[in-house]
PDB file of N, CA and C in Angstrom:
ATOM      1  N   MET A   1     -47.534  30.664 -53.191  1.00  0.00           N
ATOM      2  CA  MET A   1     -47.068  31.518 -52.130  1.00  0.00           C
ATOM      3  C   MET A   1     -48.287  32.057 -51.366  1.00  0.00           C
ATOM      4  N   LYS A   2     -48.138  32.082 -50.056  1.00  0.00           N
ATOM      5  CA  LYS A   2     -49.229  32.644 -49.254  1.00  0.00           C
ATOM      6  C   LYS A   2     -49.326  34.155 -49.349  1.00  0.00           C
ATOM      7  N   LYS A   3     -50.504  34.654 -49.312  1.00  0.00           N
ATOM      8  CA  LYS A   3     -50.742  36.074 -49.307  1.00  0.00           C
ATOM      9  C   LYS A   3     -50.518  36.565 -47.863  1.00  0.00           C
ATOM     10  N   VAL A   4     -49.717  37.562 -47.705  1.00  0.00           N
ATOM     11  CA  VAL A   4     -49.434  38.117 -46.392  1.00  0.00           C
ATOM     12  C   VAL A   4     -50.573  39.091 -46.005  1.00  0.00           C
ATOM     13  N   ILE A   5     -51.227  38.809 -44.878  1.00  0.00           N
ATOM     14  CA  ILE A   5     -52.322  39.629 -44.422  1.00  0.00           C
ATOM     15  C   ILE A   5     -51.824  40.884 -43.733  1.00  0.00           C
ATOM     16  N   PHE A   6     -50.826  40.727 -42.896  1.00  0.00           N
ATOM     17  CA  PHE A   6     -50.221  41.862 -42.235  1.00  0.00           C
ATOM     18  C   PHE A   6     -48.787  41.505 -41.798  1.00  0.00           C
ATOM     19  N   ARG A   7     -48.014  42.525 -41.492  1.00  0.00           N
ATOM     20  CA  ARG A   7     -46.653  42.330 -40.965  1.00  0.00           C
ATOM     21  C   ARG A   7     -46.583  43.134 -39.678  1.00  0.00           C
ATOM     22  N   GLY A   8     -45.779  42.703 -38.768  1.00  0.00           N
ATOM     23  CA  GLY A   8     -45.570  43.436 -37.515  1.00  0.00           C
ATOM     24  C   GLY A   8     -46.150  42.708 -36.375  1.00  0.00           C
ATOM     25  N   VAL A   9     -46.618  43.515 -35.387  1.00  0.00           N
ATOM     26  CA  VAL A   9     -47.117  43.018 -34.131  1.00  0.00           C
ATOM     27  C   VAL A   9     -48.618  42.909 -34.124  1.00  0.00           C
ATOM     28  N   GLY A  10     -49.122  41.711 -33.755  1.00  0.00           N
ATOM     29  CA  GLY A  10     -50.556  41.481 -33.591  1.00  0.00           C
ATOM     30  C   GLY A  10     -50.785  41.052 -32.170  1.00  0.00           C
ATOM     31  N   THR A  11     -51.554  41.800 -31.429  1.00  0.00           N
ATOM     32  CA  THR A  11     -51.827  41.500 -30.028  1.00  0.00           C
ATOM     33  C   THR A  11     -53.111  40.807 -29.775  1.00  0.00           C
ATOM     34  N   ALA A  12     -53.131  39.708 -29.062  1.00  0.00           N
ATOM     35  CA  ALA A  12     -54.322  39.030 -28.601  1.00  0.00           C
ATOM     36  C   ALA A  12     -54.886  39.922 -27.493  1.00  0.00           C
ATOM     37  N   ILE A  13     -56.048  40.499 -27.731  1.00  0.00           N
ATOM     38  CA  ILE A  13     -56.647  41.475 -26.790  1.00  0.00           C
ATOM     39  C   ILE A  13     -57.755  40.825 -25.985  1.00  0.00           C
ATOM     40  N   ILE A  14     -57.789  41.093 -24.692  1.00  0.00           N
ATOM     41  CA  ILE A  14     -58.837  40.502 -23.868  1.00  0.00           C
ATOM     42  C   ILE A  14     -60.179  41.158 -24.174  1.00  0.00           C
ATOM     43  N   THR A  15     -61.245  40.486 -23.792  1.00  0.00           N
ATOM     44  CA  THR A  15     -62.553  41.022 -23.890  1.00  0.00           C
ATOM     45  C   THR A  15     -63.020  41.378 -22.436  1.00  0.00           C
ATOM     46  N   PRO A  16     -63.068  42.630 -22.131  1.00  0.00           N
ATOM     47  CA  PRO A  16     -63.502  43.021 -20.733  1.00  0.00           C
ATOM     48  C   PRO A  16     -65.002  42.789 -20.628  1.00  0.00           C
ATOM     49  N   MET A  17     -65.367  42.248 -19.493  1.00  0.00           N
ATOM     50  CA  MET A  17     -66.798  41.926 -19.194  1.00  0.00           C
ATOM     51  C   MET A  17     -67.227  42.717 -17.980  1.00  0.00           C
ATOM     52  N   LYS A  18     -68.538  43.038 -18.014  1.00  0.00           N
ATOM     53  CA  LYS A  18     -69.172  43.656 -16.821  1.00  0.00           C
ATOM     54  C   LYS A  18     -69.514  42.533 -15.880  1.00  0.00           C
ATOM     55  N   GLU A  19     -69.851  42.933 -14.656  1.00  0.00           N
ATOM     56  CA  GLU A  19     -70.208  41.928 -13.656  1.00  0.00           C
ATOM     57  C   GLU A  19     -71.426  41.096 -14.066  1.00  0.00           C
ATOM     58  N   ASN A  20     -72.319  41.674 -14.914  1.00  0.00           N
ATOM     59  CA  ASN A  20     -73.498  40.969 -15.317  1.00  0.00           C
ATOM     60  C   ASN A  20     -73.240  40.023 -16.530  1.00  0.00           C
ATOM     61  N   GLY A  21     -71.999  39.995 -16.997  1.00  0.00           N
ATOM     62  CA  GLY A  21     -71.569  39.104 -18.101  1.00  0.00           C
ATOM     63  C   GLY A  21     -71.632  39.752 -19.481  1.00  0.00           C
ATOM     64  N   GLU A  22     -72.085  40.983 -19.565  1.00  0.00           N
ATOM     65  CA  GLU A  22     -72.076  41.716 -20.832  1.00  0.00           C
ATOM     66  C   GLU A  22     -70.701  42.192 -21.156  1.00  0.00           C
ATOM     67  N   ILE A  23     -70.448  42.414 -22.411  1.00  0.00           N
ATOM     68  CA  ILE A  23     -69.172  42.952 -22.905  1.00  0.00           C
ATOM     69  C   ILE A  23     -69.087  44.421 -22.469  1.00  0.00           C
ATOM     70  N   ASN A  24     -67.969  44.823 -21.910  1.00  0.00           N
ATOM     71  CA  ASN A  24     -67.803  46.238 -21.483  1.00  0.00           C
ATOM     72  C   ASN A  24     -67.115  46.927 -22.643  1.00  0.00           C
ATOM     73  N   TYR A  25     -67.928  47.534 -23.543  1.00  0.00           N
ATOM     74  CA  TYR A  25     -67.441  48.161 -24.765  1.00  0.00           C
ATOM     75  C   TYR A  25     -66.570  49.433 -24.473  1.00  0.00           C
ATOM     76  N   PRO A  26     -66.909  50.240 -23.521  1.00  0.00           N
ATOM     77  CA  PRO A  26     -66.016  51.422 -23.225  1.00  0.00           C
ATOM     78  C   PRO A  26     -64.635  51.017 -22.843  1.00  0.00           C
ATOM     79  N   VAL A  27     -64.478  49.973 -22.010  1.00  0.00           N
ATOM     80  CA  VAL A  27     -63.164  49.474 -21.645  1.00  0.00           C
ATOM     81  C   VAL A  27     -62.463  48.785 -22.837  1.00  0.00           C
ATOM     82  N   PHE A  28     -63.248  48.083 -23.626  1.00  0.00           N
ATOM     83  CA  PHE A  28     -62.665  47.426 -24.802  1.00  0.00           C
ATOM     84  C   PHE A  28     -62.144  48.473 -25.746  1.00  0.00           C
ATOM     85  N   LYS A  29     -62.858  49.654 -25.930  1.00  0.00           N
ATOM     86  CA  LYS A  29     -62.352  50.728 -26.765  1.00  0.00           C
ATOM     87  C   LYS A  29     -61.027  51.248 -26.269  1.00  0.00           C
ATOM     88  N   LYS A  30     -60.906  51.388 -24.937  1.00  0.00           N
ATOM     89  CA  LYS A  30     -59.637  51.897 -24.347  1.00  0.00           C
ATOM     90  C   LYS A  30     -58.516  50.939 -24.630  1.00  0.00           C
ATOM     91  N   LEU A  31     -58.785  49.638 -24.565  1.00  0.00           N
ATOM     92  CA  LEU A  31     -57.738  48.628 -24.883  1.00  0.00           C
ATOM     93  C   LEU A  31     -57.324  48.682 -26.325  1.00  0.00           C
ATOM     94  N   LEU A  32     -58.367  48.852 -27.232  1.00  0.00           N
ATOM     95  CA  LEU A  32     -58.005  48.976 -28.618  1.00  0.00           C
ATOM     96  C   LEU A  32     -57.146  50.250 -28.902  1.00  0.00           C
ATOM     97  N   ASP A  33     -57.608  51.346 -28.291  1.00  0.00           N
ATOM     98  CA  ASP A  33     -56.815  52.578 -28.476  1.00  0.00           C
ATOM     99  C   ASP A  33     -55.403  52.461 -27.988  1.00  0.00           C
ATOM    100  N   ARG A  34     -55.210  51.776 -26.869  1.00  0.00           N
ATOM    101  CA  ARG A  34     -53.854  51.619 -26.328  1.00  0.00           C
ATOM    102  C   ARG A  34     -52.947  50.830 -27.271  1.00  0.00           C
ATOM    103  N   GLN A  35     -53.544  49.784 -27.880  1.00  0.00           N
ATOM    104  CA  GLN A  35     -52.757  48.994 -28.850  1.00  0.00           C
ATOM    105  C   GLN A  35     -52.429  49.841 -30.029  1.00  0.00           C
ATOM    106  N   ALA A  36     -53.387  50.600 -30.555  1.00  0.00           N
ATOM    107  CA  ALA A  36     -53.138  51.468 -31.754  1.00  0.00           C
ATOM    108  C   ALA A  36     -52.163  52.556 -31.423  1.00  0.00           C
ATOM    109  N   ASP A  37     -52.265  53.172 -30.256  1.00  0.00           N
ATOM    110  CA  ASP A  37     -51.297  54.191 -29.888  1.00  0.00           C
ATOM    111  C   ASP A  37     -49.904  53.664 -29.646  1.00  0.00           C
ATOM    112  N   GLY A  38     -49.867  52.388 -29.274  1.00  0.00           N
ATOM    113  CA  GLY A  38     -48.536  51.730 -29.042  1.00  0.00           C
ATOM    114  C   GLY A  38     -47.867  51.202 -30.295  1.00  0.00           C
ATOM    115  N   GLY A  39     -48.567  51.277 -31.443  1.00  0.00           N
ATOM    116  CA  GLY A  39     -47.970  50.883 -32.644  1.00  0.00           C
ATOM    117  C   GLY A  39     -48.275  49.432 -33.098  1.00  0.00           C
ATOM    118  N   ALA A  40     -49.259  48.779 -32.460  1.00  0.00           N
ATOM    119  CA  ALA A  40     -49.601  47.424 -32.857  1.00  0.00           C
ATOM    120  C   ALA A  40     -50.141  47.482 -34.265  1.00  0.00           C
ATOM    121  N   ASP A  41     -49.807  46.519 -35.079  1.00  0.00           N
ATOM    122  CA  ASP A  41     -50.275  46.442 -36.471  1.00  0.00           C
ATOM    123  C   ASP A  41     -51.625  45.698 -36.596  1.00  0.00           C
ATOM    124  N   ALA A  42     -51.958  44.927 -35.542  1.00  0.00           N
ATOM    125  CA  ALA A  42     -53.231  44.164 -35.604  1.00  0.00           C
ATOM    126  C   ALA A  42     -53.567  43.807 -34.178  1.00  0.00           C
ATOM    127  N   VAL A  43     -54.876  43.497 -34.004  1.00  0.00           N
ATOM    128  CA  VAL A  43     -55.324  42.939 -32.711  1.00  0.00           C
ATOM    129  C   VAL A  43     -56.093  41.660 -33.050  1.00  0.00           C
ATOM    130  N   VAL A  44     -55.995  40.683 -32.181  1.00  0.00           N
ATOM    131  CA  VAL A  44     -56.705  39.380 -32.329  1.00  0.00           C
ATOM    132  C   VAL A  44     -57.878  39.506 -31.351  1.00  0.00           C
ATOM    133  N   VAL A  45     -59.070  39.624 -31.905  1.00  0.00           N
ATOM    134  CA  VAL A  45     -60.254  39.740 -31.054  1.00  0.00           C
ATOM    135  C   VAL A  45     -60.828  38.399 -30.744  1.00  0.00           C
ATOM    136  N   ALA A  46     -61.046  38.133 -29.477  1.00  0.00           N
ATOM    137  CA  ALA A  46     -61.633  36.849 -29.014  1.00  0.00           C
ATOM    138  C   ALA A  46     -60.857  35.659 -29.585  1.00  0.00           C
ATOM    139  N   GLY A  47     -59.530  35.802 -29.492  1.00  0.00           N
ATOM    140  CA  GLY A  47     -58.701  34.740 -30.077  1.00  0.00           C
ATOM    141  C   GLY A  47     -58.115  33.781 -29.105  1.00  0.00           C
ATOM    142  N   THR A  48     -57.137  34.212 -28.394  1.00  0.00           N
ATOM    143  CA  THR A  48     -56.455  33.202 -27.530  1.00  0.00           C
ATOM    144  C   THR A  48     -56.529  33.510 -26.074  1.00  0.00           C
ATOM    145  N   THR A  49     -57.399  34.392 -25.644  1.00  0.00           N
ATOM    146  CA  THR A  49     -57.421  34.719 -24.198  1.00  0.00           C
ATOM    147  C   THR A  49     -58.538  34.006 -23.504  1.00  0.00           C
ATOM    148  N   GLY A  50     -59.200  33.057 -24.116  1.00  0.00           N
ATOM    149  CA  GLY A  50     -60.179  32.204 -23.460  1.00  0.00           C
ATOM    150  C   GLY A  50     -61.641  32.563 -23.632  1.00  0.00           C
ATOM    151  N   GLU A  51     -61.931  33.798 -23.945  1.00  0.00           N
ATOM    152  CA  GLU A  51     -63.319  34.178 -24.009  1.00  0.00           C
ATOM    153  C   GLU A  51     -64.041  33.693 -25.265  1.00  0.00           C
ATOM    154  N   ASN A  52     -63.338  33.288 -26.272  1.00  0.00           N
ATOM    155  CA  ASN A  52     -63.954  32.815 -27.505  1.00  0.00           C
ATOM    156  C   ASN A  52     -64.963  31.719 -27.206  1.00  0.00           C
ATOM    157  N   ALA A  53     -64.623  30.823 -26.326  1.00  0.00           N
ATOM    158  CA  ALA A  53     -65.548  29.707 -25.930  1.00  0.00           C
ATOM    159  C   ALA A  53     -66.721  30.176 -25.114  1.00  0.00           C
ATOM    160  N   THR A  54     -66.648  31.319 -24.535  1.00  0.00           N
ATOM    161  CA  THR A  54     -67.743  31.791 -23.678  1.00  0.00           C
ATOM    162  C   THR A  54     -68.679  32.803 -24.337  1.00  0.00           C
ATOM    163  N   LEU A  55     -68.310  33.355 -25.486  1.00  0.00           N
ATOM    164  CA  LEU A  55     -69.111  34.298 -26.241  1.00  0.00           C
ATOM    165  C   LEU A  55     -70.029  33.554 -27.204  1.00  0.00           C
ATOM    166  N   ASP A  56     -71.320  33.973 -27.276  1.00  0.00           N
ATOM    167  CA  ASP A  56     -72.144  33.373 -28.322  1.00  0.00           C
ATOM    168  C   ASP A  56     -71.798  33.982 -29.677  1.00  0.00           C
ATOM    169  N   ASP A  57     -72.337  33.473 -30.719  1.00  0.00           N
ATOM    170  CA  ASP A  57     -72.024  33.961 -32.113  1.00  0.00           C
ATOM    171  C   ASP A  57     -72.347  35.429 -32.257  1.00  0.00           C
ATOM    172  N   ASP A  58     -73.459  35.899 -31.778  1.00  0.00           N
ATOM    173  CA  ASP A  58     -73.826  37.291 -31.900  1.00  0.00           C
ATOM    174  C   ASP A  58     -72.852  38.198 -31.160  1.00  0.00           C
ATOM    175  N   GLU A  59     -72.489  37.806 -29.968  1.00  0.00           N
ATOM    176  CA  GLU A  59     -71.521  38.611 -29.209  1.00  0.00           C
ATOM    177  C   GLU A  59     -70.176  38.694 -29.914  1.00  0.00           C
ATOM    178  N   HIS A  60     -69.772  37.544 -30.445  1.00  0.00           N
ATOM    179  CA  HIS A  60     -68.503  37.492 -31.139  1.00  0.00           C
ATOM    180  C   HIS A  60     -68.487  38.418 -32.369  1.00  0.00           C
ATOM    181  N   LEU A  61     -69.559  38.356 -33.152  1.00  0.00           N
ATOM    182  CA  LEU A  61     -69.708  39.165 -34.318  1.00  0.00           C
ATOM    183  C   LEU A  61     -69.711  40.649 -33.983  1.00  0.00           C
ATOM    184  N   LYS A  62     -70.517  41.023 -32.926  1.00  0.00           N
ATOM    185  CA  LYS A  62     -70.565  42.426 -32.517  1.00  0.00           C
ATOM    186  C   LYS A  62     -69.252  42.909 -32.036  1.00  0.00           C
ATOM    187  N   LEU A  63     -68.479  42.086 -31.316  1.00  0.00           N
ATOM    188  CA  LEU A  63     -67.146  42.461 -30.840  1.00  0.00           C
ATOM    189  C   LEU A  63     -66.205  42.725 -31.957  1.00  0.00           C
ATOM    190  N   VAL A  64     -66.216  41.886 -32.964  1.00  0.00           N
ATOM    191  CA  VAL A  64     -65.346  42.044 -34.126  1.00  0.00           C
ATOM    192  C   VAL A  64     -65.747  43.311 -34.866  1.00  0.00           C
ATOM    193  N   GLU A  65     -67.067  43.472 -35.164  1.00  0.00           N
ATOM    194  CA  GLU A  65     -67.591  44.693 -35.821  1.00  0.00           C
ATOM    195  C   GLU A  65     -67.187  45.987 -35.083  1.00  0.00           C
ATOM    196  N   PHE A  66     -67.293  45.961 -33.791  1.00  0.00           N
ATOM    197  CA  PHE A  66     -66.894  47.103 -32.982  1.00  0.00           C
ATOM    198  C   PHE A  66     -65.427  47.404 -33.118  1.00  0.00           C
ATOM    199  N   ALA A  67     -64.547  46.366 -33.052  1.00  0.00           N
ATOM    200  CA  ALA A  67     -63.128  46.594 -33.208  1.00  0.00           C
ATOM    201  C   ALA A  67     -62.794  47.116 -34.569  1.00  0.00           C
ATOM    202  N   VAL A  68     -63.342  46.581 -35.632  1.00  0.00           N
ATOM    203  CA  VAL A  68     -63.090  47.069 -36.995  1.00  0.00           C
ATOM    204  C   VAL A  68     -63.506  48.525 -37.174  1.00  0.00           C
ATOM    205  N   LYS A  69     -64.670  48.866 -36.606  1.00  0.00           N
ATOM    206  CA  LYS A  69     -65.148  50.227 -36.695  1.00  0.00           C
ATOM    207  C   LYS A  69     -64.193  51.171 -35.902  1.00  0.00           C
ATOM    208  N   GLU A  70     -63.854  50.789 -34.708  1.00  0.00           N
ATOM    209  CA  GLU A  70     -63.018  51.648 -33.897  1.00  0.00           C
ATOM    210  C   GLU A  70     -61.605  51.852 -34.454  1.00  0.00           C
ATOM    211  N   ILE A  71     -61.085  50.815 -35.068  1.00  0.00           N
ATOM    212  CA  ILE A  71     -59.701  50.879 -35.592  1.00  0.00           C
ATOM    213  C   ILE A  71     -59.752  51.329 -37.074  1.00  0.00           C
ATOM    214  N   ALA A  72     -60.882  51.530 -37.576  1.00  0.00           N
ATOM    215  CA  ALA A  72     -61.107  52.001 -38.969  1.00  0.00           C
ATOM    216  C   ALA A  72     -60.553  50.952 -39.931  1.00  0.00           C
ATOM    217  N   GLY A  73     -60.910  49.710 -39.735  1.00  0.00           N
ATOM    218  CA  GLY A  73     -60.614  48.666 -40.702  1.00  0.00           C
ATOM    219  C   GLY A  73     -59.314  47.966 -40.374  1.00  0.00           C
TER     220      GLY A  73
END
Protein backbone atom coordinates (compact mmCIF):
# COMPACT_ATOMS: atom_id res chain seq x y z
CA MET A 1 0.00 0.00 0.00
CA LYS A 2 1.27 3.46 -0.86
CA LYS A 3 1.99 5.90 1.93
CA VAL A 4 -0.28 8.95 1.65
CA ILE A 5 1.79 12.13 1.75
CA PHE A 6 -1.15 14.50 2.02
CA ARG A 7 -4.87 14.70 1.46
CA GLY A 8 -6.85 17.62 0.15
CA VAL A 9 -5.98 20.41 -2.25
CA GLY A 10 -2.49 20.90 -3.66
CA THR A 11 -2.02 23.98 -5.81
CA ALA A 12 0.65 24.30 -8.49
CA ILE A 13 1.96 27.76 -7.67
CA ILE A 14 3.68 30.04 -10.15
CA THR A 15 7.16 31.40 -9.61
CA PRO A 16 7.00 35.19 -9.96
CA MET A 17 10.04 36.68 -11.64
CA LYS A 18 11.49 40.16 -11.67
CA GLU A 19 12.22 41.84 -14.98
CA ASN A 20 15.90 40.94 -14.60
CA GLY A 21 15.02 37.23 -14.37
CA GLU A 22 15.52 36.83 -10.62
CA ILE A 23 12.86 35.18 -8.46
CA ASN A 24 10.58 37.74 -6.83
CA TYR A 25 10.49 36.34 -3.29
CA PRO A 26 8.18 39.01 -1.76
CA VAL A 27 5.51 38.24 -4.37
CA PHE A 28 6.13 34.50 -3.99
CA LYS A 29 5.51 34.86 -0.24
CA LYS A 30 2.20 36.62 -0.93
CA LEU A 31 1.17 33.76 -3.22
CA LEU A 32 2.11 31.18 -0.59
CA ASP A 33 0.19 33.10 2.08
CA ARG A 34 -2.86 33.30 -0.15
CA GLN A 35 -2.87 29.53 -0.63
CA ALA A 36 -2.42 28.90 3.10
CA ASP A 37 -5.13 31.42 4.00
CA GLY A 38 -7.44 29.81 1.45
CA GLY A 39 -7.05 26.38 3.01
CA ALA A 40 -4.75 24.67 0.52
CA ASP A 41 -3.19 21.56 2.01
CA ALA A 42 -0.07 21.72 -0.18
CA VAL A 43 1.62 23.76 -2.87
CA VAL A 44 3.58 22.38 -5.80
CA VAL A 45 6.67 24.56 -6.19
CA ALA A 46 8.17 24.79 -9.70
CA GLY A 47 5.99 21.90 -10.76
CA THR A 48 3.66 22.27 -13.65
CA THR A 49 3.58 25.95 -14.52
CA GLY A 50 6.59 25.83 -16.85
CA GLU A 51 9.33 27.49 -14.84
CA ASN A 52 10.91 24.23 -13.71
CA ALA A 53 12.75 24.02 -17.03
CA THR A 54 14.01 27.60 -16.75
CA LEU A 55 15.29 27.53 -13.15
CA ASP A 56 18.79 26.29 -12.45
CA ASP A 57 19.31 23.74 -9.67
CA ASP A 58 20.35 26.37 -7.11
CA GLU A 59 17.30 28.55 -7.83
CA HIS A 60 15.01 25.53 -7.61
CA LEU A 61 16.47 24.46 -4.27
CA LYS A 62 16.28 27.98 -2.82
CA LEU A 63 12.67 28.31 -3.98
CA VAL A 64 11.66 25.05 -2.29
CA GLU A 65 13.59 25.95 0.88
CA PHE A 66 11.88 29.35 0.98
CA ALA A 67 8.44 27.78 0.57
CA VAL A 68 9.05 25.20 3.31
CA LYS A 69 10.30 27.88 5.69
CA GLU A 70 7.39 30.24 4.96
CA ILE A 71 4.76 27.54 5.29
CA ALA A 72 6.52 26.02 8.32
CA GLY A 73 7.07 22.61 6.79
